[in-house]
PDB file of N, CA and C in Angstrom:
ATOM      1  N   MET A   1      94.792  30.776 352.369  1.00  0.00           N
ATOM      2  CA  MET A   1      94.570  31.910 353.259  1.00  0.00           C
ATOM      3  C   MET A   1      93.065  32.107 353.404  1.00  0.00           C
ATOM      4  N   SER A   2      92.584  32.157 354.598  1.00  0.00           N
ATOM      5  CA  SER A   2      91.158  32.352 354.843  1.00  0.00           C
ATOM      6  C   SER A   2      90.870  33.802 355.193  1.00  0.00           C
ATOM      7  N   LEU A   3      89.677  34.226 354.848  1.00  0.00           N
ATOM      8  CA  LEU A   3      89.271  35.595 355.145  1.00  0.00           C
ATOM      9  C   LEU A   3      88.801  35.696 356.588  1.00  0.00           C
ATOM     10  N   PRO A   4      89.067  36.811 357.239  1.00  0.00           N
ATOM     11  CA  PRO A   4      88.603  36.962 358.617  1.00  0.00           C
ATOM     12  C   PRO A   4      87.077  37.088 358.654  1.00  0.00           C
ATOM     13  N   SER A   5      86.493  36.596 359.701  1.00  0.00           N
ATOM     14  CA  SER A   5      85.056  36.665 359.879  1.00  0.00           C
ATOM     15  C   SER A   5      84.661  38.045 360.407  1.00  0.00           C
ATOM     16  N   ILE A   6      83.579  38.595 359.867  1.00  0.00           N
ATOM     17  CA  ILE A   6      83.128  39.922 360.305  1.00  0.00           C
ATOM     18  C   ILE A   6      82.409  39.819 361.643  1.00  0.00           C
ATOM     19  N   GLY A   7      81.492  38.892 361.755  1.00  0.00           N
ATOM     20  CA  GLY A   7      80.741  38.713 362.988  1.00  0.00           C
ATOM     21  C   GLY A   7      79.600  39.711 363.125  1.00  0.00           C
ATOM     22  N   ILE A   8      78.801  39.515 364.145  1.00  0.00           N
ATOM     23  CA  ILE A   8      77.625  40.356 364.394  1.00  0.00           C
ATOM     24  C   ILE A   8      78.009  41.804 364.708  1.00  0.00           C
ATOM     25  N   PRO A   9      78.984  42.067 365.583  1.00  0.00           N
ATOM     26  CA  PRO A   9      79.333  43.471 365.858  1.00  0.00           C
ATOM     27  C   PRO A   9      79.796  44.218 364.600  1.00  0.00           C
ATOM     28  N   GLY A  10      80.548  43.535 363.747  1.00  0.00           N
ATOM     29  CA  GLY A  10      81.002  44.158 362.511  1.00  0.00           C
ATOM     30  C   GLY A  10      79.844  44.479 361.584  1.00  0.00           C
ATOM     31  N   LEU A  11      78.883  43.572 361.497  1.00  0.00           N
ATOM     32  CA  LEU A  11      77.711  43.821 360.650  1.00  0.00           C
ATOM     33  C   LEU A  11      76.890  44.995 361.164  1.00  0.00           C
ATOM     34  N   ILE A  12      76.766  45.106 362.479  1.00  0.00           N
ATOM     35  CA  ILE A  12      76.023  46.231 363.069  1.00  0.00           C
ATOM     36  C   ILE A  12      76.723  47.551 362.751  1.00  0.00           C
ATOM     37  N   ILE A  13      78.042  47.563 362.847  1.00  0.00           N
ATOM     38  CA  ILE A  13      78.789  48.789 362.536  1.00  0.00           C
ATOM     39  C   ILE A  13      78.630  49.158 361.059  1.00  0.00           C
ATOM     40  N   ILE A  14      78.720  48.165 360.171  1.00  0.00           N
ATOM     41  CA  ILE A  14      78.553  48.424 358.734  1.00  0.00           C
ATOM     42  C   ILE A  14      77.156  48.956 358.444  1.00  0.00           C
ATOM     43  N   LEU A  15      76.137  48.370 359.053  1.00  0.00           N
ATOM     44  CA  LEU A  15      74.760  48.828 358.856  1.00  0.00           C
ATOM     45  C   LEU A  15      74.588  50.260 359.359  1.00  0.00           C
ATOM     46  N   PHE A  16      75.156  50.567 360.512  1.00  0.00           N
ATOM     47  CA  PHE A  16      75.077  51.922 361.073  1.00  0.00           C
ATOM     48  C   PHE A  16      75.731  52.939 360.144  1.00  0.00           C
ATOM     49  N   ILE A  17      76.900  52.609 359.626  1.00  0.00           N
ATOM     50  CA  ILE A  17      77.591  53.515 358.698  1.00  0.00           C
ATOM     51  C   ILE A  17      76.777  53.696 357.419  1.00  0.00           C
ATOM     52  N   ALA A  18      76.177  52.612 356.917  1.00  0.00           N
ATOM     53  CA  ALA A  18      75.360  52.708 355.709  1.00  0.00           C
ATOM     54  C   ALA A  18      74.147  53.610 355.939  1.00  0.00           C
ATOM     55  N   ILE A  19      73.518  53.503 357.106  1.00  0.00           N
ATOM     56  CA  ILE A  19      72.373  54.366 357.416  1.00  0.00           C
ATOM     57  C   ILE A  19      72.820  55.823 357.472  1.00  0.00           C
ATOM     58  N   LEU A  20      73.986  56.079 358.069  1.00  0.00           N
ATOM     59  CA  LEU A  20      74.485  57.452 358.136  1.00  0.00           C
ATOM     60  C   LEU A  20      74.795  58.012 356.746  1.00  0.00           C
ATOM     61  N   LEU A  21      75.382  57.187 355.890  1.00  0.00           N
ATOM     62  CA  LEU A  21      75.787  57.665 354.568  1.00  0.00           C
ATOM     63  C   LEU A  21      74.609  57.829 353.608  1.00  0.00           C
ATOM     64  N   PHE A  22      73.703  56.855 353.587  1.00  0.00           N
ATOM     65  CA  PHE A  22      72.665  56.826 352.561  1.00  0.00           C
ATOM     66  C   PHE A  22      71.278  57.179 353.079  1.00  0.00           C
ATOM     67  N   GLY A  23      71.067  57.091 354.355  1.00  0.00           N
ATOM     68  CA  GLY A  23      69.745  57.351 354.908  1.00  0.00           C
ATOM     69  C   GLY A  23      68.887  56.098 354.848  1.00  0.00           C
ATOM     70  N   PRO A  24      67.947  55.968 355.758  1.00  0.00           N
ATOM     71  CA  PRO A  24      67.138  54.742 355.822  1.00  0.00           C
ATOM     72  C   PRO A  24      66.247  54.541 354.597  1.00  0.00           C
ATOM     73  N   SER A  25      65.872  55.606 353.911  1.00  0.00           N
ATOM     74  CA  SER A  25      64.982  55.441 352.757  1.00  0.00           C
ATOM     75  C   SER A  25      65.715  54.872 351.542  1.00  0.00           C
ATOM     76  N   LYS A  26      67.024  55.052 351.453  1.00  0.00           N
ATOM     77  CA  LYS A  26      67.802  54.567 350.307  1.00  0.00           C
ATOM     78  C   LYS A  26      68.328  53.148 350.501  1.00  0.00           C
ATOM     79  N   LEU A  27      68.327  52.630 351.727  1.00  0.00           N
ATOM     80  CA  LEU A  27      68.908  51.314 351.975  1.00  0.00           C
ATOM     81  C   LEU A  27      68.235  50.182 351.195  1.00  0.00           C
ATOM     82  N   PRO A  28      66.902  50.136 351.086  1.00  0.00           N
ATOM     83  CA  PRO A  28      66.307  49.050 350.287  1.00  0.00           C
ATOM     84  C   PRO A  28      66.748  49.087 348.816  1.00  0.00           C
ATOM     85  N   GLN A  29      66.834  50.284 348.250  1.00  0.00           N
ATOM     86  CA  GLN A  29      67.288  50.410 346.866  1.00  0.00           C
ATOM     87  C   GLN A  29      68.740  49.961 346.736  1.00  0.00           C
ATOM     88  N   LEU A  30      69.556  50.350 347.682  1.00  0.00           N
ATOM     89  CA  LEU A  30      70.961  49.974 347.672  1.00  0.00           C
ATOM     90  C   LEU A  30      71.116  48.462 347.805  1.00  0.00           C
ATOM     91  N   GLY A  31      70.365  47.862 348.714  1.00  0.00           N
ATOM     92  CA  GLY A  31      70.410  46.411 348.895  1.00  0.00           C
ATOM     93  C   GLY A  31      69.971  45.669 347.646  1.00  0.00           C
ATOM     94  N   ARG A  32      68.928  46.168 347.004  1.00  0.00           N
ATOM     95  CA  ARG A  32      68.431  45.555 345.770  1.00  0.00           C
ATOM     96  C   ARG A  32      69.495  45.628 344.670  1.00  0.00           C
ATOM     97  N   ALA A  33      70.145  46.775 344.548  1.00  0.00           N
ATOM     98  CA  ALA A  33      71.181  46.949 343.523  1.00  0.00           C
ATOM     99  C   ALA A  33      72.365  46.021 343.778  1.00  0.00           C
ATOM    100  N   VAL A  34      72.763  45.899 345.032  1.00  0.00           N
ATOM    101  CA  VAL A  34      73.876  45.004 345.368  1.00  0.00           C
ATOM    102  C   VAL A  34      73.495  43.557 345.067  1.00  0.00           C
ATOM    103  N   GLY A  35      72.270  43.172 345.402  1.00  0.00           N
ATOM    104  CA  GLY A  35      71.806  41.816 345.131  1.00  0.00           C
ATOM    105  C   GLY A  35      71.779  41.505 343.642  1.00  0.00           C
ATOM    106  N   GLU A  36      71.288  42.443 342.840  1.00  0.00           N
ATOM    107  CA  GLU A  36      71.257  42.232 341.395  1.00  0.00           C
ATOM    108  C   GLU A  36      72.668  42.130 340.821  1.00  0.00           C
ATOM    109  N   THR A  37      73.577  42.950 341.312  1.00  0.00           N
ATOM    110  CA  THR A  37      74.958  42.906 340.841  1.00  0.00           C
ATOM    111  C   THR A  37      75.607  41.574 341.177  1.00  0.00           C
ATOM    112  N   LEU A  38      75.396  41.095 342.395  1.00  0.00           N
ATOM    113  CA  LEU A  38      75.966  39.799 342.784  1.00  0.00           C
ATOM    114  C   LEU A  38      75.373  38.665 341.958  1.00  0.00           C
ATOM    115  N   ARG A  39      74.069  38.725 341.684  1.00  0.00           N
ATOM    116  CA  ARG A  39      73.408  37.700 340.876  1.00  0.00           C
ATOM    117  C   ARG A  39      73.983  37.683 339.455  1.00  0.00           C
ATOM    118  N   GLU A  40      74.169  38.855 338.858  1.00  0.00           N
ATOM    119  CA  GLU A  40      74.740  38.931 337.510  1.00  0.00           C
ATOM    120  C   GLU A  40      76.170  38.398 337.495  1.00  0.00           C
ATOM    121  N   PHE A  41      76.945  38.738 338.517  1.00  0.00           N
ATOM    122  CA  PHE A  41      78.316  38.248 338.608  1.00  0.00           C
ATOM    123  C   PHE A  41      78.335  36.727 338.721  1.00  0.00           C
ATOM    124  N   LYS A  42      77.466  36.184 339.558  1.00  0.00           N
ATOM    125  CA  LYS A  42      77.397  34.734 339.749  1.00  0.00           C
ATOM    126  C   LYS A  42      77.015  34.033 338.449  1.00  0.00           C
ATOM    127  N   ASN A  43      76.024  34.580 337.743  1.00  0.00           N
ATOM    128  CA  ASN A  43      75.605  33.982 336.475  1.00  0.00           C
ATOM    129  C   ASN A  43      76.715  34.065 335.431  1.00  0.00           C
ATOM    130  N   GLY A  44      77.424  35.180 335.400  1.00  0.00           N
ATOM    131  CA  GLY A  44      78.523  35.334 334.456  1.00  0.00           C
ATOM    132  C   GLY A  44      79.647  34.349 334.712  1.00  0.00           C
ATOM    133  N   THR A  45      80.030  34.186 335.958  1.00  0.00           N
ATOM    134  CA  THR A  45      81.097  33.245 336.275  1.00  0.00           C
ATOM    135  C   THR A  45      80.654  31.808 336.017  1.00  0.00           C
ATOM    136  N   LYS A  46      79.375  31.529 336.251  1.00  0.00           N
ATOM    137  CA  LYS A  46      78.835  30.190 335.993  1.00  0.00           C
ATOM    138  C   LYS A  46      78.927  29.865 334.501  1.00  0.00           C
ATOM    139  N   LYS A  47      78.603  30.837 333.641  1.00  0.00           N
ATOM    140  CA  LYS A  47      78.685  30.624 332.194  1.00  0.00           C
ATOM    141  C   LYS A  47      80.120  30.397 331.759  1.00  0.00           C
ATOM    142  N   ILE A  48      81.053  31.154 332.337  1.00  0.00           N
ATOM    143  CA  ILE A  48      82.467  30.995 331.981  1.00  0.00           C
ATOM    144  C   ILE A  48      82.960  29.607 332.369  1.00  0.00           C
ATOM    145  N   VAL A  49      82.592  29.139 333.548  1.00  0.00           N
ATOM    146  CA  VAL A  49      83.011  27.816 334.007  1.00  0.00           C
ATOM    147  C   VAL A  49      82.413  26.732 333.104  1.00  0.00           C
ATOM    148  N   GLU A  50      81.131  26.877 332.734  1.00  0.00           N
ATOM    149  CA  GLU A  50      80.497  25.896 331.851  1.00  0.00           C
ATOM    150  C   GLU A  50      81.184  25.854 330.495  1.00  0.00           C
ATOM    151  N   GLU A  51      81.527  27.017 329.934  1.00  0.00           N
ATOM    152  CA  GLU A  51      82.226  27.061 328.649  1.00  0.00           C
ATOM    153  C   GLU A  51      83.606  26.431 328.763  1.00  0.00           C
ATOM    154  N   ASN A  52      84.280  26.676 329.867  1.00  0.00           N
ATOM    155  CA  ASN A  52      85.592  26.092 330.100  1.00  0.00           C
ATOM    156  C   ASN A  52      85.511  24.583 330.147  1.00  0.00           C
ATOM    157  N   GLN A  53      84.495  24.038 330.818  1.00  0.00           N
ATOM    158  CA  GLN A  53      84.346  22.595 330.949  1.00  0.00           C
ATOM    159  C   GLN A  53      83.981  21.958 329.620  1.00  0.00           C
ATOM    160  N   ARG A  54      83.226  22.665 328.783  1.00  0.00           N
ATOM    161  CA  ARG A  54      82.871  22.133 327.460  1.00  0.00           C
ATOM    162  C   ARG A  54      84.091  22.050 326.556  1.00  0.00           C
ATOM    163  N   ASP A  55      84.988  23.029 326.681  1.00  0.00           N
ATOM    164  CA  ASP A  55      86.160  23.077 325.827  1.00  0.00           C
ATOM    165  C   ASP A  55      87.196  22.012 326.187  1.00  0.00           C
ATOM    166  N   GLU A  56      87.162  21.510 327.380  1.00  0.00           N
ATOM    167  CA  GLU A  56      88.163  20.526 327.820  1.00  0.00           C
ATOM    168  C   GLU A  56      87.885  19.171 327.303  1.00  0.00           C
TER     169      GLU A  56
END
């Protein structure tokens, strides 16, 4: 099952809603926090996969 594509109009709507909810001054902080969270998640899953491959 594939995920539906958001596309440019969807991204514009999401950005507009984010500006309304958080204000333009908070968006850089929010983006930074989301980026750090995704990076930590990626590193965590990478470590789990490496440990799994070592155990096999």
